Amino acid sequence: MQSLTPFHTFHLPAQASQIIPFTSTEQLLAEWQRATLTNQPILILGQGSNMLFLDDFEGVVLVNQLKGIEHHEDADFHYLTVQGGENWHALVKWTLEHGIAGLENLALIPGVAGSAPIQNIGAYGVEFERACDFVEVLNLRTGELFRLTKVECEFGYRESVFKHRYAEGYAIVAVGLKLPKAWQPILSYGSLTQFDVATVTPLEVFNEVCAVRSSKLPNPDEFGNAGSFFKNPVIEAAKFAQIQTAFPQIPNYPQADGRVKLAAGWLIDQCELKGFQVGGAAVHTQQALVLINKDNATGQDVADLAKTVRKRVREKFGVELHPEVRFIGKHGEVNSEEVTR
């Protein structure tokens, strides 16, 4: 067995039968097929920034280290093809250093580019979908390499086709980004609203996002975590009206479909759960949406804590929180809803 502790940001004491980094699609294909022939469970990992290991993984972990960024442009757009193992935040910095704007709201999101489409990562009013041109996918059973358009990815809020039809037997090896040269800042969330849309620069947005995230989110090397543990719930307008009557100060974000998005961190905070601890796992004192490995936590500690948080929010607000983090058991991904119900 090999330690998984350095390979995921919760830094839990989990192990795997074998951990193999891959630097080419040919190597990925060969290792996947070798493990398949011996009937071993397989997990493809980026930087493990959205994973909770509940147990030791009794199989092979393949770590995405595909590298490279290609850039071309026309009169209206910058086009990037980014290999799946590129660090996401480093990519955001790279674009700004090369005079390319559009990803600055997504600064400091942990993980690799190849993981971004799975969750349709998002922050400060922007989601990956906004910049996506295509996603390059490898069929691990046949070796076929193909591209899905943005529409074919079926993006939703923390949702995509990669959680469903392409969840098993496929790997994202690269992403294509299309960023307009006519940059329009997105300043609708948090402290970004202080900026003047006419004068703000992409670097100013980037720096503000980095400052806010750094002040609220713990460094995984200090306290292991996976960033936002829960999705922000989206509820029906009638349900929101009921809650707002009882809690007039509730932050809310009306959606295009008439529903309303709530801030999960605020809901958890109202339940007075900041600092609440189960075993070695705790709710972060600065940002209630983050669960941390405070003191040698186990995966089960974190799952039990998440269960308590969901229960308290459900009892106080009648709102169901859904884990954003993927739960990994002995043989692969398990249903996080069931584990924390």
Protein backbone atom coordinates (compact mmCIF):
# COMPACT_ATOMS: atom_id res chain seq x y z
CA MET A 1 0.00 0.00 0.00
CA GLN A 2 1.08 3.58 -0.69
CA SER A 3 0.08 6.71 1.22
CA LEU A 4 -2.51 8.97 -0.42
CA THR A 5 -1.96 11.72 2.17
CA PRO A 6 0.18 13.95 -0.14
CA PHE A 7 -2.17 13.38 -3.09
CA HIS A 8 -5.34 15.00 -1.74
CA THR A 9 -5.90 18.32 0.00
CA PHE A 10 -7.75 16.90 3.03
CA HIS A 11 -4.46 15.10 3.85
CA LEU A 12 -6.29 12.22 5.52
CA PRO A 13 -4.40 9.05 6.47
CA ALA A 14 -5.71 7.02 3.51
CA GLN A 15 -3.73 4.59 1.38
CA ALA A 16 -4.02 3.02 -2.07
CA SER A 17 -2.76 -0.27 -3.45
CA GLN A 18 -0.73 1.61 -6.05
CA ILE A 19 -0.23 5.28 -7.07
CA ILE A 20 1.01 5.94 -10.63
CA PRO A 21 1.53 9.44 -12.09
CA PHE A 22 1.00 9.63 -15.87
CA THR A 23 2.51 12.18 -18.25
CA SER A 24 1.04 11.01 -21.57
CA THR A 25 -2.28 9.68 -22.84
CA GLU A 26 -0.45 6.52 -23.99
CA GLN A 27 0.77 5.87 -20.45
CA LEU A 28 -2.69 6.56 -19.01
CA LEU A 29 -4.25 4.12 -21.46
CA ALA A 30 -1.68 1.40 -20.75
CA GLU A 31 -1.96 1.70 -16.96
CA TRP A 32 -5.77 1.83 -17.04
CA GLN A 33 -5.99 -1.25 -19.22
CA ARG A 34 -3.41 -3.11 -17.11
CA ALA A 35 -5.41 -2.43 -13.93
CA THR A 36 -8.65 -3.39 -15.70
CA LEU A 37 -7.22 -6.74 -16.79
CA THR A 38 -6.41 -7.56 -13.15
CA ASN A 39 -9.88 -6.40 -12.01
CA GLN A 40 -8.53 -3.63 -9.79
CA PRO A 41 -10.60 -0.53 -8.96
CA ILE A 42 -9.20 2.58 -10.68
CA LEU A 43 -9.33 6.22 -9.63
CA ILE A 44 -8.04 9.06 -11.82
CA LEU A 45 -6.87 11.95 -9.67
CA GLY A 46 -5.79 15.52 -10.39
CA GLN A 47 -4.64 17.27 -7.22
CA GLY A 48 -7.29 15.61 -5.04
CA SER A 49 -8.79 19.00 -4.15
CA ASN A 50 -12.40 17.78 -4.24
CA MET A 51 -12.02 14.31 -2.74
CA LEU A 52 -12.88 12.79 0.62
CA PHE A 53 -11.37 9.35 1.18
CA LEU A 54 -13.61 7.44 3.58
CA ASP A 55 -11.36 4.35 3.59
CA ASP A 56 -8.16 3.04 2.09
CA PHE A 57 -8.63 2.70 -1.68
CA GLU A 58 -8.15 -0.93 -2.67
CA GLY A 59 -6.99 -0.23 -6.19
CA VAL A 60 -4.82 1.85 -8.52
CA VAL A 61 -4.76 5.66 -8.39
CA LEU A 62 -3.62 7.31 -11.64
CA VAL A 63 -2.43 10.90 -11.09
CA ASN A 64 -2.89 13.34 -13.98
CA GLN A 65 0.39 15.09 -14.81
CA LEU A 66 -0.34 15.98 -18.45
CA LYS A 67 1.31 19.36 -19.11
CA GLY A 68 1.23 22.03 -21.79
CA ILE A 69 -0.64 25.20 -22.85
CA GLU A 70 -1.17 26.11 -26.51
CA HIS A 71 -2.43 29.56 -27.52
CA HIS A 72 -3.67 31.08 -30.75
CA GLU A 73 -5.91 34.02 -31.50
CA ASP A 74 -8.03 35.75 -34.09
CA ALA A 75 -9.42 39.28 -34.22
CA ASP A 76 -12.01 38.63 -31.51
CA PHE A 77 -10.87 35.75 -29.29
CA HIS A 78 -7.97 34.06 -27.55
CA TYR A 79 -8.05 30.25 -27.84
CA LEU A 80 -6.24 28.02 -25.36
CA THR A 81 -5.76 24.26 -25.34
CA VAL A 82 -4.73 23.29 -21.83
CA GLN A 83 -3.53 19.82 -20.87
CA GLY A 84 -5.48 18.23 -18.03
CA GLY A 85 -2.68 18.14 -15.47
CA GLU A 86 -1.97 21.88 -15.52
CA ASN A 87 -2.62 23.57 -12.17
CA TRP A 88 -5.76 25.71 -12.49
CA HIS A 89 -4.60 28.74 -10.50
CA ALA A 90 -1.25 28.74 -12.32
CA LEU A 91 -3.22 28.77 -15.58
CA VAL A 92 -5.24 31.81 -14.43
CA LYS A 93 -1.98 33.62 -13.60
CA TRP A 94 -0.48 32.58 -16.96
CA THR A 95 -3.40 34.09 -18.88
CA LEU A 96 -3.08 37.44 -17.12
CA GLU A 97 0.69 37.50 -17.62
CA HIS A 98 0.02 37.03 -21.34
CA GLY A 99 -2.60 39.79 -21.50
CA ILE A 100 -5.55 37.39 -21.67
CA ALA A 101 -8.54 38.20 -19.43
CA GLY A 102 -11.66 36.26 -18.51
CA LEU A 103 -10.55 33.74 -15.87
CA GLU A 104 -9.66 36.19 -13.07
CA ASN A 105 -12.84 35.48 -11.02
CA LEU A 106 -11.77 31.83 -10.88
CA ALA A 107 -8.42 32.55 -9.20
CA LEU A 108 -7.18 30.34 -6.35
CA ILE A 109 -9.63 27.51 -7.05
CA PRO A 110 -7.53 24.43 -6.21
CA GLY A 111 -7.08 21.54 -8.60
CA VAL A 112 -6.09 20.90 -12.21
CA ALA A 113 -7.60 22.01 -15.51
CA GLY A 114 -8.86 18.52 -16.33
CA SER A 115 -11.03 18.49 -13.22
CA ALA A 116 -12.62 21.90 -13.91
CA PRO A 117 -15.34 20.68 -16.31
CA ILE A 118 -16.49 17.85 -14.03
CA GLN A 119 -17.78 20.20 -11.33
CA ASN A 120 -18.19 23.15 -13.69
CA ILE A 121 -16.09 25.03 -11.14
CA GLY A 122 -17.23 28.52 -10.30
CA ALA A 123 -16.73 31.53 -8.06
CA TYR A 124 -17.68 35.21 -7.89
CA GLY A 125 -20.39 34.98 -10.53
CA VAL A 126 -18.35 33.05 -13.13
CA GLU A 127 -18.36 29.34 -13.97
CA PHE A 128 -16.00 27.29 -16.11
CA GLU A 129 -18.77 26.93 -18.67
CA ARG A 130 -18.43 30.61 -19.55
CA ALA A 131 -14.90 30.11 -20.92
CA CYS A 132 -15.26 26.57 -22.26
CA ASP A 133 -14.86 25.93 -25.99
CA PHE A 134 -14.45 22.15 -25.87
CA VAL A 135 -13.33 19.28 -23.65
CA GLU A 136 -11.01 16.58 -24.99
CA VAL A 137 -11.89 13.13 -23.70
CA LEU A 138 -10.13 9.76 -23.91
CA ASN A 139 -12.25 6.60 -24.13
CA LEU A 140 -10.16 4.31 -21.94
CA ARG A 141 -11.81 1.16 -23.27
CA THR A 142 -11.10 1.84 -26.95
CA GLY A 143 -8.30 4.42 -26.95
CA GLU A 144 -10.45 6.83 -28.99
CA LEU A 145 -9.79 10.52 -28.42
CA PHE A 146 -12.76 12.85 -29.03
CA ARG A 147 -13.98 16.34 -28.28
CA LEU A 148 -17.22 17.49 -26.71
CA THR A 149 -18.53 20.99 -27.40
CA LYS A 150 -19.65 23.21 -24.55
CA VAL A 151 -23.28 22.30 -25.26
CA GLU A 152 -22.48 18.57 -25.29
CA CYS A 153 -20.89 18.92 -21.81
CA GLU A 154 -24.39 19.65 -20.42
CA PHE A 155 -23.09 22.07 -17.81
CA GLY A 156 -25.21 23.04 -14.81
CA TYR A 157 -24.51 24.34 -11.32
CA ARG A 158 -21.60 22.11 -10.17
CA GLU A 159 -22.86 19.67 -12.76
CA SER A 160 -21.84 18.19 -16.12
CA VAL A 161 -22.09 15.12 -18.32
CA PHE A 162 -18.79 13.96 -16.75
CA LYS A 163 -20.67 13.03 -13.59
CA HIS A 164 -23.02 10.81 -15.58
CA ARG A 165 -22.53 9.43 -19.11
CA TYR A 166 -18.75 9.95 -19.06
CA ALA A 167 -18.14 9.17 -15.40
CA GLU A 168 -16.75 5.66 -15.90
CA GLY A 169 -14.20 4.53 -18.47
CA TYR A 170 -13.36 8.02 -19.71
CA ALA A 171 -10.71 10.60 -18.82
CA ILE A 172 -10.53 14.33 -19.52
CA VAL A 173 -7.10 14.91 -21.06
CA ALA A 174 -7.40 18.57 -22.14
CA VAL A 175 -9.74 21.55 -22.13
CA GLY A 176 -10.24 24.20 -24.78
CA LEU A 177 -10.94 27.77 -23.67
CA LYS A 178 -12.31 30.65 -25.74
CA LEU A 179 -11.84 34.08 -24.17
CA PRO A 180 -13.17 37.25 -25.84
CA LYS A 181 -10.75 40.10 -26.38
CA ALA A 182 -13.59 42.53 -25.61
CA TRP A 183 -13.33 41.88 -21.87
CA GLN A 184 -16.34 42.53 -19.66
CA PRO A 185 -15.74 42.34 -15.90
CA ILE A 186 -18.12 40.34 -13.72
CA LEU A 187 -18.48 42.32 -10.49
CA SER A 188 -21.75 41.00 -9.08
CA TYR A 189 -20.46 39.10 -6.03
CA GLY A 190 -19.04 40.13 -2.67
CA SER A 191 -16.43 42.85 -2.50
CA LEU A 192 -16.10 42.95 -6.30
CA THR A 193 -19.18 45.21 -6.32
CA GLN A 194 -16.96 48.03 -4.99
CA PHE A 195 -15.16 48.33 -8.35
CA ASP A 196 -16.17 50.64 -11.19
CA VAL A 197 -17.02 48.57 -14.25
CA ALA A 198 -15.63 51.32 -16.50
CA THR A 199 -12.16 51.47 -14.96
CA VAL A 200 -11.44 48.15 -13.23
CA THR A 201 -8.66 45.95 -14.66
CA PRO A 202 -8.50 42.14 -14.85
CA LEU A 203 -5.51 42.20 -12.47
CA GLU A 204 -7.47 44.21 -9.88
CA VAL A 205 -10.26 41.62 -9.99
CA PHE A 206 -7.69 38.81 -9.71
CA ASN A 207 -5.95 40.42 -6.74
CA GLU A 208 -9.23 41.04 -4.91
CA VAL A 209 -10.44 37.47 -5.44
CA CYS A 210 -7.09 36.14 -4.20
CA ALA A 211 -7.16 38.41 -1.13
CA VAL A 212 -10.71 37.44 -0.17
CA ARG A 213 -10.18 33.71 -0.73
CA SER A 214 -6.90 33.75 1.19
CA SER A 215 -8.53 35.51 4.15
CA LYS A 216 -11.43 33.04 4.35
CA LEU A 217 -10.05 29.71 3.17
CA PRO A 218 -7.48 27.78 5.20
CA ASN A 219 -4.23 26.70 3.59
CA PRO A 220 -4.58 22.90 3.05
CA ASP A 221 -0.98 22.48 4.26
CA GLU A 222 -2.06 23.94 7.63
CA PHE A 223 -5.55 22.43 7.90
CA GLY A 224 -6.47 19.86 5.27
CA ASN A 225 -9.69 20.74 3.45
CA ALA A 226 -11.42 20.55 0.07
CA GLY A 227 -12.59 24.15 -0.15
CA SER A 228 -16.37 24.59 -0.24
CA PHE A 229 -17.79 21.34 1.10
CA PHE A 230 -21.43 22.02 0.15
CA LYS A 231 -23.12 23.48 -2.90
CA ASN A 232 -25.07 26.68 -2.45
CA PRO A 233 -28.71 25.49 -2.43
CA VAL A 234 -31.11 26.72 -5.09
CA ILE A 235 -34.74 26.78 -3.89
CA GLU A 236 -38.16 27.69 -5.22
CA ALA A 237 -39.25 31.33 -4.92
CA ALA A 238 -42.21 30.46 -2.66
CA LYS A 239 -39.94 28.58 -0.27
CA PHE A 240 -37.50 31.50 -0.25
CA ALA A 241 -40.31 33.95 0.58
CA GLN A 242 -41.17 31.88 3.67
CA ILE A 243 -37.56 31.83 4.86
CA GLN A 244 -37.04 35.53 4.17
CA THR A 245 -40.01 36.39 6.35
CA ALA A 246 -38.30 34.73 9.30
CA PHE A 247 -34.76 35.80 8.33
CA PRO A 248 -34.95 39.19 6.53
CA GLN A 249 -31.16 39.53 6.31
CA ILE A 250 -30.64 36.26 4.39
CA PRO A 251 -28.23 36.72 1.44
CA ASN A 252 -29.92 35.67 -1.80
CA TYR A 253 -29.20 35.50 -5.49
CA PRO A 254 -32.24 35.33 -7.83
CA GLN A 255 -31.75 32.92 -10.75
CA ALA A 256 -32.86 33.21 -14.36
CA ASP A 257 -35.39 30.38 -13.89
CA GLY A 258 -37.18 32.20 -11.05
CA ARG A 259 -35.59 30.19 -8.28
CA VAL A 260 -33.27 31.67 -5.65
CA LYS A 261 -29.73 30.64 -4.72
CA LEU A 262 -28.80 30.85 -1.03
CA ALA A 263 -25.35 31.06 0.58
CA ALA A 264 -24.69 27.70 2.23
CA GLY A 265 -21.97 29.21 4.42
CA TRP A 266 -24.42 31.76 5.84
CA LEU A 267 -26.99 29.04 6.61
CA ILE A 268 -24.36 26.98 8.45
CA ASP A 269 -23.13 30.06 10.33
CA GLN A 270 -26.69 30.85 11.48
CA CYS A 271 -26.79 27.39 13.05
CA GLU A 272 -23.80 28.51 15.18
CA LEU A 273 -21.62 25.73 13.83
CA LYS A 274 -18.35 27.62 13.24
CA GLY A 275 -15.70 25.73 15.19
CA PHE A 276 -18.02 22.77 15.80
CA GLN A 277 -15.98 19.57 15.87
CA VAL A 278 -16.58 15.84 15.37
CA GLY A 279 -13.50 13.73 16.10
CA GLY A 280 -10.62 15.48 14.36
CA ALA A 281 -12.84 17.29 11.83
CA ALA A 282 -14.22 20.80 12.37
CA VAL A 283 -16.21 23.56 10.72
CA HIS A 284 -13.73 26.32 9.84
CA THR A 285 -14.04 29.37 12.11
CA GLN A 286 -13.52 31.87 9.25
CA GLN A 287 -15.73 30.27 6.59
CA ALA A 288 -18.48 27.88 7.68
CA LEU A 289 -18.73 26.36 4.20
CA VAL A 290 -15.31 24.73 4.71
CA LEU A 291 -14.82 21.57 6.76
CA ILE A 292 -11.24 21.05 7.91
CA ASN A 293 -8.94 18.29 9.08
CA LYS A 294 -8.17 20.03 12.36
CA ASP A 295 -6.57 17.25 14.36
CA ASN A 296 -5.70 14.01 12.56
CA ALA A 297 -9.24 13.50 11.30
CA THR A 298 -10.39 10.38 9.51
CA GLY A 299 -12.63 10.37 6.47
CA GLN A 300 -15.43 9.12 8.69
CA ASP A 301 -14.96 12.08 11.06
CA VAL A 302 -15.49 14.47 8.14
CA ALA A 303 -18.51 12.52 6.88
CA ASP A 304 -20.07 12.49 10.37
CA LEU A 305 -19.48 16.24 10.68
CA ALA A 306 -21.10 16.84 7.28
CA LYS A 307 -24.07 14.75 8.39
CA THR A 308 -24.53 16.94 11.49
CA VAL A 309 -24.24 20.16 9.46
CA ARG A 310 -26.87 18.96 6.98
CA LYS A 311 -29.20 17.97 9.83
CA ARG A 312 -28.91 21.32 11.65
CA VAL A 313 -29.53 23.38 8.48
CA ARG A 314 -32.46 21.15 7.54
CA GLU A 315 -34.01 21.59 11.01
CA LYS A 316 -33.53 25.37 11.15
CA PHE A 317 -34.34 26.39 7.57
CA GLY A 318 -36.02 23.41 5.93
CA VAL A 319 -33.29 23.56 3.28
CA GLU A 320 -31.29 20.57 2.10
CA LEU A 321 -27.54 21.03 1.66
CA HIS A 322 -25.81 18.80 -0.87
CA PRO A 323 -22.11 17.90 -0.67
CA GLU A 324 -19.96 19.31 -3.45
CA VAL A 325 -17.02 17.09 -2.50
CA ARG A 326 -16.78 13.59 -4.02
CA PHE A 327 -16.71 10.72 -1.52
CA ILE A 328 -14.36 7.81 -2.30
CA GLY A 329 -14.79 4.41 -0.66
CA LYS A 330 -12.70 1.23 -0.85
CA HIS A 331 -13.61 0.49 -4.45
CA GLY A 332 -14.52 3.87 -5.89
CA GLU A 333 -16.94 6.77 -5.60
CA VAL A 334 -19.91 6.39 -3.25
CA ASN A 335 -23.08 8.43 -2.89
CA SER A 336 -22.27 11.39 -0.63
CA GLU A 337 -25.97 12.10 -0.09
CA GLU A 338 -26.55 8.66 1.40
CA VAL A 339 -23.40 8.70 3.55
CA THR A 340 -24.36 12.04 5.16
CA ARG A 341 -28.16 11.72 5.27
